[in-house]
């Protein structure tokens, strides 16, 4: 079940302290899965499902701003969703999270 703030219609994903540089987080809301990452310069959110296969990006290896899919080792830039290594050629969707009172929110369609 989604939790939304009334002012901006933002959907709550998680507490910010649930995500660390070493531990991405998979969040499922209304049958949609998101991968939440923390890198040196902030928080990032992508679709959890790899665009090439059944891999969960939240279970991948994050190095800098690049997430490696655990299924076939394709890579994506978590800032833009752009593929950075084959076999991935299609980008994954990204959202710009906002931190409000220690919690992460995104605007969903």
PDB file of N, CA and C in Angstrom:
ATOM      1  N   UNK A   1       0.850  -1.176   0.000  1.00  0.00           N
ATOM      2  CA  UNK A   1       0.000   0.000   0.000  1.00  0.00           C
ATOM      3  C   UNK A   1       0.892   1.235   0.000  1.00  0.00           C
ATOM      4  N   UNK A   2       0.578   2.181  -0.827  1.00  0.00           N
ATOM      5  CA  UNK A   2       1.412   3.378  -0.930  1.00  0.00           C
ATOM      6  C   UNK A   2       1.006   4.401   0.117  1.00  0.00           C
ATOM      7  N   UNK A   3       1.988   5.165   0.545  1.00  0.00           N
ATOM      8  CA  UNK A   3       1.752   6.258   1.468  1.00  0.00           C
ATOM      9  C   UNK A   3       2.141   7.524   0.737  1.00  0.00           C
ATOM     10  N   UNK A   4       1.250   8.504   0.672  1.00  0.00           N
ATOM     11  CA  UNK A   4       1.524   9.711  -0.090  1.00  0.00           C
ATOM     12  C   UNK A   4       1.439  10.937   0.799  1.00  0.00           C
ATOM     13  N   UNK A   5       2.315  11.918   0.531  1.00  0.00           N
ATOM     14  CA  UNK A   5       2.210  13.187   1.216  1.00  0.00           C
ATOM     15  C   UNK A   5       1.153  13.997   0.492  1.00  0.00           C
ATOM     16  N   UNK A   6       0.375  14.743   1.213  1.00  0.00           N
ATOM     17  CA  UNK A   6      -0.724  15.469   0.584  1.00  0.00           C
ATOM     18  C   UNK A   6      -0.247  16.695  -0.191  1.00  0.00           C
ATOM     19  N   UNK A   7       0.846  17.335   0.210  1.00  0.00           N
ATOM     20  CA  UNK A   7       1.287  18.572  -0.419  1.00  0.00           C
ATOM     21  C   UNK A   7       1.765  18.357  -1.864  1.00  0.00           C
ATOM     22  N   UNK A   8       2.558  17.336  -2.111  1.00  0.00           N
ATOM     23  CA  UNK A   8       3.161  17.155  -3.429  1.00  0.00           C
ATOM     24  C   UNK A   8       2.731  15.854  -4.104  1.00  0.00           C
ATOM     25  N   UNK A   9       1.863  15.083  -3.497  1.00  0.00           N
ATOM     26  CA  UNK A   9       1.475  13.781  -4.036  1.00  0.00           C
ATOM     27  C   UNK A   9       2.704  12.911  -4.294  1.00  0.00           C
ATOM     28  N   UNK A  10       3.579  12.889  -3.340  1.00  0.00           N
ATOM     29  CA  UNK A  10       4.778  12.079  -3.423  1.00  0.00           C
ATOM     30  C   UNK A  10       4.511  10.751  -2.709  1.00  0.00           C
ATOM     31  N   UNK A  11       5.077   9.674  -3.238  1.00  0.00           N
ATOM     32  CA  UNK A  11       4.908   8.352  -2.660  1.00  0.00           C
ATOM     33  C   UNK A  11       6.126   8.011  -1.816  1.00  0.00           C
ATOM     34  N   UNK A  12       5.869   7.590  -0.587  1.00  0.00           N
ATOM     35  CA  UNK A  12       6.948   7.200   0.322  1.00  0.00           C
ATOM     36  C   UNK A  12       7.502   5.851  -0.103  1.00  0.00           C
ATOM     37  N   UNK A  13       8.838   5.772  -0.175  1.00  0.00           N
ATOM     38  CA  UNK A  13       9.499   4.507  -0.467  1.00  0.00           C
ATOM     39  C   UNK A  13      10.000   3.817   0.796  1.00  0.00           C
ATOM     40  N   UNK A  14      10.757   4.554   1.616  1.00  0.00           N
ATOM     41  CA  UNK A  14      11.405   3.944   2.774  1.00  0.00           C
ATOM     42  C   UNK A  14      12.038   5.030   3.631  1.00  0.00           C
ATOM     43  N   UNK A  15      12.587   4.620   4.763  1.00  0.00           N
ATOM     44  CA  UNK A  15      13.407   5.533   5.561  1.00  0.00           C
ATOM     45  C   UNK A  15      14.773   5.637   4.891  1.00  0.00           C
ATOM     46  N   UNK A  16      15.359   6.798   4.906  1.00  0.00           N
ATOM     47  CA  UNK A  16      16.676   6.994   4.285  1.00  0.00           C
ATOM     48  C   UNK A  16      17.732   6.112   4.933  1.00  0.00           C
ATOM     49  N   UNK A  17      17.617   5.872   6.236  1.00  0.00           N
ATOM     50  CA  UNK A  17      18.639   5.066   6.915  1.00  0.00           C
ATOM     51  C   UNK A  17      18.532   3.567   6.607  1.00  0.00           C
ATOM     52  N   UNK A  18      17.517   3.164   5.842  1.00  0.00           N
ATOM     53  CA  UNK A  18      17.411   1.765   5.425  1.00  0.00           C
ATOM     54  C   UNK A  18      18.307   1.459   4.230  1.00  0.00           C
ATOM     55  N   UNK A  19      18.864   2.506   3.615  1.00  0.00           N
ATOM     56  CA  UNK A  19      19.695   2.357   2.420  1.00  0.00           C
ATOM     57  C   UNK A  19      21.096   2.838   2.758  1.00  0.00           C
ATOM     58  N   UNK A  20      22.084   2.026   2.424  1.00  0.00           N
ATOM     59  CA  UNK A  20      23.476   2.428   2.626  1.00  0.00           C
ATOM     60  C   UNK A  20      24.225   2.186   1.316  1.00  0.00           C
ATOM     61  N   UNK A  21      25.420   2.744   1.168  1.00  0.00           N
ATOM     62  CA  UNK A  21      26.185   2.494  -0.057  1.00  0.00           C
ATOM     63  C   UNK A  21      26.419   1.005  -0.324  1.00  0.00           C
ATOM     64  N   UNK A  22      26.493   0.204   0.727  1.00  0.00           N
ATOM     65  CA  UNK A  22      26.735  -1.230   0.565  1.00  0.00           C
ATOM     66  C   UNK A  22      25.455  -2.055   0.468  1.00  0.00           C
ATOM     67  N   UNK A  23      24.307  -1.440   0.746  1.00  0.00           N
ATOM     68  CA  UNK A  23      23.064  -2.194   0.808  1.00  0.00           C
ATOM     69  C   UNK A  23      21.935  -1.484   0.079  1.00  0.00           C
ATOM     70  N   UNK A  24      21.819  -1.687  -1.241  1.00  0.00           N
ATOM     71  CA  UNK A  24      20.649  -1.162  -1.950  1.00  0.00           C
ATOM     72  C   UNK A  24      19.393  -1.826  -1.384  1.00  0.00           C
ATOM     73  N   UNK A  25      18.259  -1.213  -1.625  1.00  0.00           N
ATOM     74  CA  UNK A  25      17.007  -1.706  -1.066  1.00  0.00           C
ATOM     75  C   UNK A  25      15.977  -1.890  -2.171  1.00  0.00           C
ATOM     76  N   UNK A  26      15.287  -3.015  -2.144  1.00  0.00           N
ATOM     77  CA  UNK A  26      14.175  -3.268  -3.068  1.00  0.00           C
ATOM     78  C   UNK A  26      12.894  -2.887  -2.336  1.00  0.00           C
ATOM     79  N   UNK A  27      12.085  -2.058  -2.983  1.00  0.00           N
ATOM     80  CA  UNK A  27      10.809  -1.614  -2.418  1.00  0.00           C
ATOM     81  C   UNK A  27       9.720  -1.929  -3.422  1.00  0.00           C
ATOM     82  N   UNK A  28       8.661  -2.583  -2.956  1.00  0.00           N
ATOM     83  CA  UNK A  28       7.539  -2.888  -3.839  1.00  0.00           C
ATOM     84  C   UNK A  28       6.310  -2.127  -3.373  1.00  0.00           C
ATOM     85  N   UNK A  29       5.699  -1.391  -4.294  1.00  0.00           N
ATOM     86  CA  UNK A  29       4.494  -0.608  -4.020  1.00  0.00           C
ATOM     87  C   UNK A  29       3.523  -0.834  -5.164  1.00  0.00           C
ATOM     88  N   UNK A  30       2.325  -1.279  -4.836  1.00  0.00           N
ATOM     89  CA  UNK A  30       1.287  -1.488  -5.852  1.00  0.00           C
ATOM     90  C   UNK A  30       1.792  -2.311  -7.033  1.00  0.00           C
ATOM     91  N   UNK A  31       2.450  -3.419  -6.743  1.00  0.00           N
ATOM     92  CA  UNK A  31       2.971  -4.347  -7.757  1.00  0.00           C
ATOM     93  C   UNK A  31       4.054  -3.755  -8.651  1.00  0.00           C
ATOM     94  N   UNK A  32       4.661  -2.665  -8.231  1.00  0.00           N
ATOM     95  CA  UNK A  32       5.790  -2.057  -8.947  1.00  0.00           C
ATOM     96  C   UNK A  32       7.007  -2.137  -8.020  1.00  0.00           C
ATOM     97  N   UNK A  33       8.139  -2.633  -8.547  1.00  0.00           N
ATOM     98  CA  UNK A  33       9.344  -2.778  -7.733  1.00  0.00           C
ATOM     99  C   UNK A  33      10.358  -1.695  -8.096  1.00  0.00           C
ATOM    100  N   UNK A  34      10.951  -1.123  -7.070  1.00  0.00           N
ATOM    101  CA  UNK A  34      11.943  -0.062  -7.204  1.00  0.00           C
ATOM    102  C   UNK A  34      13.240  -0.510  -6.531  1.00  0.00           C
ATOM    103  N   UNK A  35      14.374  -0.076  -7.082  1.00  0.00           N
ATOM    104  CA  UNK A  35      15.678  -0.279  -6.457  1.00  0.00           C
ATOM    105  C   UNK A  35      16.135   1.083  -5.943  1.00  0.00           C
ATOM    106  N   UNK A  36      16.456   1.157  -4.662  1.00  0.00           N
ATOM    107  CA  UNK A  36      16.856   2.417  -4.038  1.00  0.00           C
ATOM    108  C   UNK A  36      18.334   2.306  -3.666  1.00  0.00           C
ATOM    109  N   UNK A  37      19.107   3.298  -4.101  1.00  0.00           N
ATOM    110  CA  UNK A  37      20.547   3.280  -3.902  1.00  0.00           C
ATOM    111  C   UNK A  37      21.007   4.537  -3.173  1.00  0.00           C
ATOM    112  N   UNK A  38      22.123   4.410  -2.454  1.00  0.00           N
ATOM    113  CA  UNK A  38      22.804   5.571  -1.903  1.00  0.00           C
ATOM    114  C   UNK A  38      24.222   5.572  -2.459  1.00  0.00           C
ATOM    115  N   UNK A  39      24.613   6.692  -3.031  1.00  0.00           N
ATOM    116  CA  UNK A  39      25.979   6.882  -3.494  1.00  0.00           C
ATOM    117  C   UNK A  39      26.520   8.106  -2.766  1.00  0.00           C
ATOM    118  N   UNK A  40      27.776   8.424  -2.976  1.00  0.00           N
ATOM    119  CA  UNK A  40      28.418   9.517  -2.244  1.00  0.00           C
ATOM    120  C   UNK A  40      27.628  10.822  -2.289  1.00  0.00           C
ATOM    121  N   UNK A  41      26.981  11.090  -3.415  1.00  0.00           N
ATOM    122  CA  UNK A  41      26.324  12.382  -3.568  1.00  0.00           C
ATOM    123  C   UNK A  41      24.809  12.340  -3.407  1.00  0.00           C
ATOM    124  N   UNK A  42      24.260  11.254  -2.877  1.00  0.00           N
ATOM    125  CA  UNK A  42      22.827  11.255  -2.613  1.00  0.00           C
ATOM    126  C   UNK A  42      22.164   9.913  -2.822  1.00  0.00           C
ATOM    127  N   UNK A  43      20.844   9.982  -3.007  1.00  0.00           N
ATOM    128  CA  UNK A  43      20.010   8.802  -3.191  1.00  0.00           C
ATOM    129  C   UNK A  43      19.514   8.753  -4.634  1.00  0.00           C
ATOM    130  N   UNK A  44      19.317   7.521  -5.121  1.00  0.00           N
ATOM    131  CA  UNK A  44      18.892   7.299  -6.493  1.00  0.00           C
ATOM    132  C   UNK A  44      17.878   6.163  -6.508  1.00  0.00           C
ATOM    133  N   UNK A  45      16.918   6.249  -7.437  1.00  0.00           N
ATOM    134  CA  UNK A  45      15.884   5.226  -7.544  1.00  0.00           C
ATOM    135  C   UNK A  45      15.743   4.826  -9.008  1.00  0.00           C
ATOM    136  N   UNK A  46      15.780   3.507  -9.257  1.00  0.00           N
ATOM    137  CA  UNK A  46      15.551   2.971 -10.592  1.00  0.00           C
ATOM    138  C   UNK A  46      14.452   1.910 -10.500  1.00  0.00           C
ATOM    139  N   UNK A  47      13.946   1.519 -11.660  1.00  0.00           N
ATOM    140  CA  UNK A  47      13.111   0.319 -11.693  1.00  0.00           C
ATOM    141  C   UNK A  47      13.992  -0.821 -11.213  1.00  0.00           C
ATOM    142  N   UNK A  48      13.432  -1.743 -10.452  1.00  0.00           N
ATOM    143  CA  UNK A  48      14.241  -2.839  -9.925  1.00  0.00           C
ATOM    144  C   UNK A  48      14.553  -3.886 -10.986  1.00  0.00           C
ATOM    145  N   UNK A  49      13.652  -4.103 -11.911  1.00  0.00           N
ATOM    146  CA  UNK A  49      13.827  -5.149 -12.911  1.00  0.00           C
ATOM    147  C   UNK A  49      14.754  -4.681 -14.030  1.00  0.00           C
ATOM    148  N   UNK A  50      15.767  -5.461 -14.297  1.00  0.00           N
ATOM    149  CA  UNK A  50      16.690  -5.182 -15.390  1.00  0.00           C
ATOM    150  C   UNK A  50      15.921  -5.150 -16.705  1.00  0.00           C
ATOM    151  N   UNK A  51      16.308  -4.287 -17.620  1.00  0.00           N
ATOM    152  CA  UNK A  51      15.627  -4.179 -18.911  1.00  0.00           C
ATOM    153  C   UNK A  51      15.984  -5.322 -19.857  1.00  0.00           C
ATOM    154  N   UNK A  52      16.957  -6.160 -19.490  1.00  0.00           N
ATOM    155  CA  UNK A  52      17.395  -7.238 -20.372  1.00  0.00           C
ATOM    156  C   UNK A  52      16.912  -8.613 -19.922  1.00  0.00           C
ATOM    157  N   UNK A  53      16.617  -8.766 -18.649  1.00  0.00           N
ATOM    158  CA  UNK A  53      16.235 -10.085 -18.147  1.00  0.00           C
ATOM    159  C   UNK A  53      15.634  -9.995 -16.761  1.00  0.00           C
ATOM    160  N   UNK A  54      15.530 -11.113 -16.071  1.00  0.00           N
ATOM    161  CA  UNK A  54      14.815 -11.156 -14.794  1.00  0.00           C
ATOM    162  C   UNK A  54      15.626 -10.725 -13.569  1.00  0.00           C
ATOM    163  N   UNK A  55      16.746 -10.062 -13.732  1.00  0.00           N
ATOM    164  CA  UNK A  55      17.575  -9.683 -12.595  1.00  0.00           C
ATOM    165  C   UNK A  55      17.000  -8.542 -11.785  1.00  0.00           C
ATOM    166  N   UNK A  56      17.173  -8.623 -10.465  1.00  0.00           N
ATOM    167  CA  UNK A  56      16.792  -7.548  -9.544  1.00  0.00           C
ATOM    168  C   UNK A  56      18.003  -6.643  -9.350  1.00  0.00           C
ATOM    169  N   UNK A  57      17.894  -5.392  -9.774  1.00  0.00           N
ATOM    170  CA  UNK A  57      19.041  -4.484  -9.648  1.00  0.00           C
ATOM    171  C   UNK A  57      19.397  -4.211  -8.190  1.00  0.00           C
ATOM    172  N   UNK A  58      18.422  -4.274  -7.282  1.00  0.00           N
ATOM    173  CA  UNK A  58      18.716  -4.077  -5.861  1.00  0.00           C
ATOM    174  C   UNK A  58      19.607  -5.185  -5.312  1.00  0.00           C
ATOM    175  N   UNK A  59      19.675  -6.309  -6.008  1.00  0.00           N
ATOM    176  CA  UNK A  59      20.544  -7.415  -5.597  1.00  0.00           C
ATOM    177  C   UNK A  59      21.895  -7.365  -6.299  1.00  0.00           C
ATOM    178  N   UNK A  60      22.104  -6.336  -7.117  1.00  0.00           N
ATOM    179  CA  UNK A  60      23.341  -6.218  -7.871  1.00  0.00           C
ATOM    180  C   UNK A  60      24.465  -5.582  -7.080  1.00  0.00           C
ATOM    181  N   UNK A  61      25.597  -5.435  -7.742  1.00  0.00           N
ATOM    182  CA  UNK A  61      26.799  -4.852  -7.148  1.00  0.00           C
ATOM    183  C   UNK A  61      26.912  -3.402  -7.605  1.00  0.00           C
ATOM    184  N   UNK A  62      26.935  -2.473  -6.647  1.00  0.00           N
ATOM    185  CA  UNK A  62      27.037  -1.048  -6.952  1.00  0.00           C
ATOM    186  C   UNK A  62      28.478  -0.592  -6.799  1.00  0.00           C
ATOM    187  N   UNK A  63      28.989   0.044  -7.854  1.00  0.00           N
ATOM    188  CA  UNK A  63      30.323   0.633  -7.806  1.00  0.00           C
ATOM    189  C   UNK A  63      30.214   2.050  -8.345  1.00  0.00           C
ATOM    190  N   UNK A  64      30.414   3.030  -7.478  1.00  0.00           N
ATOM    191  CA  UNK A  64      30.228   4.419  -7.871  1.00  0.00           C
ATOM    192  C   UNK A  64      28.765   4.655  -8.185  1.00  0.00           C
ATOM    193  N   UNK A  65      28.480   5.007  -9.453  1.00  0.00           N
ATOM    194  CA  UNK A  65      27.101   5.217  -9.902  1.00  0.00           C
ATOM    195  C   UNK A  65      26.655   4.132 -10.878  1.00  0.00           C
ATOM    196  N   UNK A  66      27.361   3.018 -10.882  1.00  0.00           N
ATOM    197  CA  UNK A  66      27.057   1.947 -11.828  1.00  0.00           C
ATOM    198  C   UNK A  66      26.596   0.696 -11.081  1.00  0.00           C
ATOM    199  N   UNK A  67      25.406   0.208 -11.447  1.00  0.00           N
ATOM    200  CA  UNK A  67      24.880  -1.015 -10.834  1.00  0.00           C
ATOM    201  C   UNK A  67      25.036  -2.157 -11.831  1.00  0.00           C
ATOM    202  N   UNK A  68      25.530  -3.275 -11.338  1.00  0.00           N
ATOM    203  CA  UNK A  68      25.699  -4.464 -12.171  1.00  0.00           C
ATOM    204  C   UNK A  68      24.564  -5.440 -11.879  1.00  0.00           C
ATOM    205  N   UNK A  69      23.840  -5.840 -12.909  1.00  0.00           N
ATOM    206  CA  UNK A  69      22.754  -6.801 -12.760  1.00  0.00           C
ATOM    207  C   UNK A  69      23.341  -8.154 -12.348  1.00  0.00           C
ATOM    208  N   UNK A  70      22.787  -8.791 -11.314  1.00  0.00           N
ATOM    209  CA  UNK A  70      23.332 -10.072 -10.873  1.00  0.00           C
ATOM    210  C   UNK A  70      22.987 -11.231 -11.814  1.00  0.00           C
ATOM    211  N   UNK A  71      22.066 -11.018 -12.744  1.00  0.00           N
ATOM    212  CA  UNK A  71      21.628 -12.091 -13.634  1.00  0.00           C
ATOM    213  C   UNK A  71      22.607 -12.325 -14.777  1.00  0.00           C
ATOM    214  N   UNK A  72      23.061 -11.237 -15.427  1.00  0.00           N
ATOM    215  CA  UNK A  72      23.935 -11.413 -16.587  1.00  0.00           C
ATOM    216  C   UNK A  72      25.070 -10.402 -16.636  1.00  0.00           C
ATOM    217  N   UNK A  73      25.279  -9.657 -15.559  1.00  0.00           N
ATOM    218  CA  UNK A  73      26.385  -8.712 -15.405  1.00  0.00           C
ATOM    219  C   UNK A  73      26.321  -7.505 -16.327  1.00  0.00           C
ATOM    220  N   UNK A  74      25.172  -7.205 -16.917  1.00  0.00           N
ATOM    221  CA  UNK A  74      24.999  -5.939 -17.610  1.00  0.00           C
ATOM    222  C   UNK A  74      25.010  -4.821 -16.580  1.00  0.00           C
ATOM    223  N   UNK A  75      25.254  -3.599 -17.015  1.00  0.00           N
ATOM    224  CA  UNK A  75      25.378  -2.485 -16.061  1.00  0.00           C
ATOM    225  C   UNK A  75      24.561  -1.287 -16.517  1.00  0.00           C
ATOM    226  N   UNK A  76      24.158  -0.477 -15.500  1.00  0.00           N
ATOM    227  CA  UNK A  76      23.392   0.739 -15.725  1.00  0.00           C
ATOM    228  C   UNK A  76      23.924   1.865 -14.849  1.00  0.00           C
ATOM    229  N   UNK A  77      23.793   3.077 -15.327  1.00  0.00           N
ATOM    230  CA  UNK A  77      24.089   4.272 -14.531  1.00  0.00           C
ATOM    231  C   UNK A  77      22.844   4.571 -13.704  1.00  0.00           C
ATOM    232  N   UNK A  78      22.968   4.579 -12.383  1.00  0.00           N
ATOM    233  CA  UNK A  78      21.798   4.785 -11.515  1.00  0.00           C
ATOM    234  C   UNK A  78      21.281   6.218 -11.564  1.00  0.00           C
ATOM    235  N   UNK A  79      22.071   7.147 -12.096  1.00  0.00           N
ATOM    236  CA  UNK A  79      21.621   8.539 -12.193  1.00  0.00           C
ATOM    237  C   UNK A  79      20.683   8.739 -13.371  1.00  0.00           C
ATOM    238  N   UNK A  80      20.944   8.044 -14.471  1.00  0.00           N
ATOM    239  CA  UNK A  80      20.165   8.256 -15.692  1.00  0.00           C
ATOM    240  C   UNK A  80      19.382   7.035 -16.152  1.00  0.00           C
ATOM    241  N   UNK A  81      19.762   5.863 -15.667  1.00  0.00           N
ATOM    242  CA  UNK A  81      19.160   4.615 -16.127  1.00  0.00           C
ATOM    243  C   UNK A  81      19.785   4.092 -17.412  1.00  0.00           C
ATOM    244  N   UNK A  82      20.737   4.822 -17.971  1.00  0.00           N
ATOM    245  CA  UNK A  82      21.371   4.432 -19.234  1.00  0.00           C
ATOM    246  C   UNK A  82      22.205   3.164 -19.058  1.00  0.00           C
ATOM    247  N   UNK A  83      22.133   2.248 -20.034  1.00  0.00           N
ATOM    248  CA  UNK A  83      22.990   1.065 -19.979  1.00  0.00           C
ATOM    249  C   UNK A  83      24.448   1.464 -20.189  1.00  0.00           C
ATOM    250  N   UNK A  84      25.350   0.808 -19.444  1.00  0.00           N
ATOM    251  CA  UNK A  84      26.770   1.130 -19.558  1.00  0.00           C
ATOM    252  C   UNK A  84      27.616  -0.076 -19.944  1.00  0.00           C
ATOM    253  N   UNK A  85      27.011  -1.277 -19.967  1.00  0.00           N
ATOM    254  CA  UNK A  85      27.748  -2.484 -20.372  1.00  0.00           C
ATOM    255  C   UNK A  85      26.761  -3.508 -20.923  1.00  0.00           C
ATOM    256  N   UNK A  86      27.174  -4.212 -22.001  1.00  0.00           N
ATOM    257  CA  UNK A  86      26.308  -5.234 -22.567  1.00  0.00           C
ATOM    258  C   UNK A  86      26.147  -6.406 -21.586  1.00  0.00           C
ATOM    259  N   UNK A  87      25.099  -7.145 -21.727  1.00  0.00           N
ATOM    260  CA  UNK A  87      24.178  -7.192 -22.853  1.00  0.00           C
ATOM    261  C   UNK A  87      23.011  -6.200 -22.766  1.00  0.00           C
ATOM    262  N   UNK A  88      23.083  -5.230 -21.885  1.00  0.00           N
ATOM    263  CA  UNK A  88      21.986  -4.267 -21.726  1.00  0.00           C
ATOM    264  C   UNK A  88      22.091  -3.163 -22.780  1.00  0.00           C
ATOM    265  N   UNK A  89      20.987  -2.908 -23.458  1.00  0.00           N
ATOM    266  CA  UNK A  89      20.930  -1.841 -24.449  1.00  0.00           C
ATOM    267  C   UNK A  89      19.762  -0.900 -24.214  1.00  0.00           C
ATOM    268  N   UNK A  90      18.760  -1.354 -23.469  1.00  0.00           N
ATOM    269  CA  UNK A  90      17.594  -0.532 -23.144  1.00  0.00           C
ATOM    270  C   UNK A  90      17.787   0.068 -21.759  1.00  0.00           C
ATOM    271  N   UNK A  91      17.519   1.356 -21.581  1.00  0.00           N
ATOM    272  CA  UNK A  91      17.661   1.961 -20.249  1.00  0.00           C
ATOM    273  C   UNK A  91      16.581   1.454 -19.292  1.00  0.00           C
ATOM    274  N   UNK A  92      16.834   1.631 -18.007  1.00  0.00           N
ATOM    275  CA  UNK A  92      15.819   1.385 -16.984  1.00  0.00           C
ATOM    276  C   UNK A  92      15.282   2.742 -16.546  1.00  0.00           C
ATOM    277  N   UNK A  93      14.067   2.753 -16.077  1.00  0.00           N
ATOM    278  CA  UNK A  93      13.440   3.999 -15.650  1.00  0.00           C
ATOM    279  C   UNK A  93      14.056   4.472 -14.335  1.00  0.00           C
ATOM    280  N   UNK A  94      14.159   5.783 -14.175  1.00  0.00           N
ATOM    281  CA  UNK A  94      14.674   6.375 -12.947  1.00  0.00           C
ATOM    282  C   UNK A  94      13.677   7.392 -12.396  1.00  0.00           C
ATOM    283  N   UNK A  95      13.755   7.625 -11.096  1.00  0.00           N
ATOM    284  CA  UNK A  95      12.977   8.649 -10.408  1.00  0.00           C
ATOM    285  C   UNK A  95      13.939   9.452  -9.551  1.00  0.00           C
ATOM    286  N   UNK A  96      13.657  10.719  -9.370  1.00  0.00           N
ATOM    287  CA  UNK A  96      14.485  11.576  -8.522  1.00  0.00           C
ATOM    288  C   UNK A  96      13.863  11.606  -7.128  1.00  0.00           C
ATOM    289  N   UNK A  97      14.485  10.963  -6.166  1.00  0.00           N
ATOM    290  CA  UNK A  97      13.899  10.933  -4.828  1.00  0.00           C
ATOM    291  C   UNK A  97      14.101  12.248  -4.080  1.00  0.00           C
ATOM    292  N   UNK A  98      13.199  12.508  -3.158  1.00  0.00           N
ATOM    293  CA  UNK A  98      13.326  13.633  -2.245  1.00  0.00           C
ATOM    294  C   UNK A  98      13.397  13.080  -0.833  1.00  0.00           C
ATOM    295  N   UNK A  99      14.262  13.670  -0.016  1.00  0.00           N
ATOM    296  CA  UNK A  99      14.356  13.290   1.384  1.00  0.00           C
ATOM    297  C   UNK A  99      13.538  14.295   2.187  1.00  0.00           C
ATOM    298  N   UNK A 100      12.538  13.784   2.908  1.00  0.00           N
ATOM    299  CA  UNK A 100      11.670  14.608   3.736  1.00  0.00           C
ATOM    300  C   UNK A 100      11.620  13.980   5.119  1.00  0.00           C
ATOM    301  N   UNK A 101      12.128  14.712   6.106  1.00  0.00           N
ATOM    302  CA  UNK A 101      12.116  14.214   7.490  1.00  0.00           C
ATOM    303  C   UNK A 101      12.719  12.809   7.597  1.00  0.00           C
ATOM    304  N   UNK A 102      13.828  12.584   6.887  1.00  0.00           N
ATOM    305  CA  UNK A 102      14.534  11.301   6.974  1.00  0.00           C
ATOM    306  C   UNK A 102      13.900  10.168   6.200  1.00  0.00           C
ATOM    307  N   UNK A 103      12.917  10.469   5.332  1.00  0.00           N
ATOM    308  CA  UNK A 103      12.282   9.445   4.528  1.00  0.00           C
ATOM    309  C   UNK A 103      12.407   9.807   3.043  1.00  0.00           C
ATOM    310  N   UNK A 104      12.459   8.773   2.198  1.00  0.00           N
ATOM    311  CA  UNK A 104      12.601   8.966   0.758  1.00  0.00           C
ATOM    312  C   UNK A 104      11.247   8.878   0.072  1.00  0.00           C
ATOM    313  N   UNK A 105      10.990   9.852  -0.810  1.00  0.00           N
ATOM    314  CA  UNK A 105       9.744   9.916  -1.568  1.00  0.00           C
ATOM    315  C   UNK A 105      10.067  10.099  -3.050  1.00  0.00           C
ATOM    316  N   UNK A 106       9.173   9.604  -3.906  1.00  0.00           N
ATOM    317  CA  UNK A 106       9.259   9.843  -5.342  1.00  0.00           C
ATOM    318  C   UNK A 106       7.881  10.236  -5.863  1.00  0.00           C
ATOM    319  N   UNK A 107       7.862  10.924  -6.996  1.00  0.00           N
ATOM    320  CA  UNK A 107       6.611  11.221  -7.688  1.00  0.00           C
ATOM    321  C   UNK A 107       6.395  10.093  -8.690  1.00  0.00           C
ATOM    322  N   UNK A 108       5.258   9.389  -8.554  1.00  0.00           N
ATOM    323  CA  UNK A 108       4.926   8.306  -9.490  1.00  0.00           C
ATOM    324  C   UNK A 108       3.813   8.760 -10.426  1.00  0.00           C
ATOM    325  N   UNK A 109       3.776   8.161 -11.609  1.00  0.00           N
ATOM    326  CA  UNK A 109       2.697   8.462 -12.561  1.00  0.00           C
ATOM    327  C   UNK A 109       1.436   7.774 -12.111  1.00  0.00           C
TER     328      UNK A 109
END
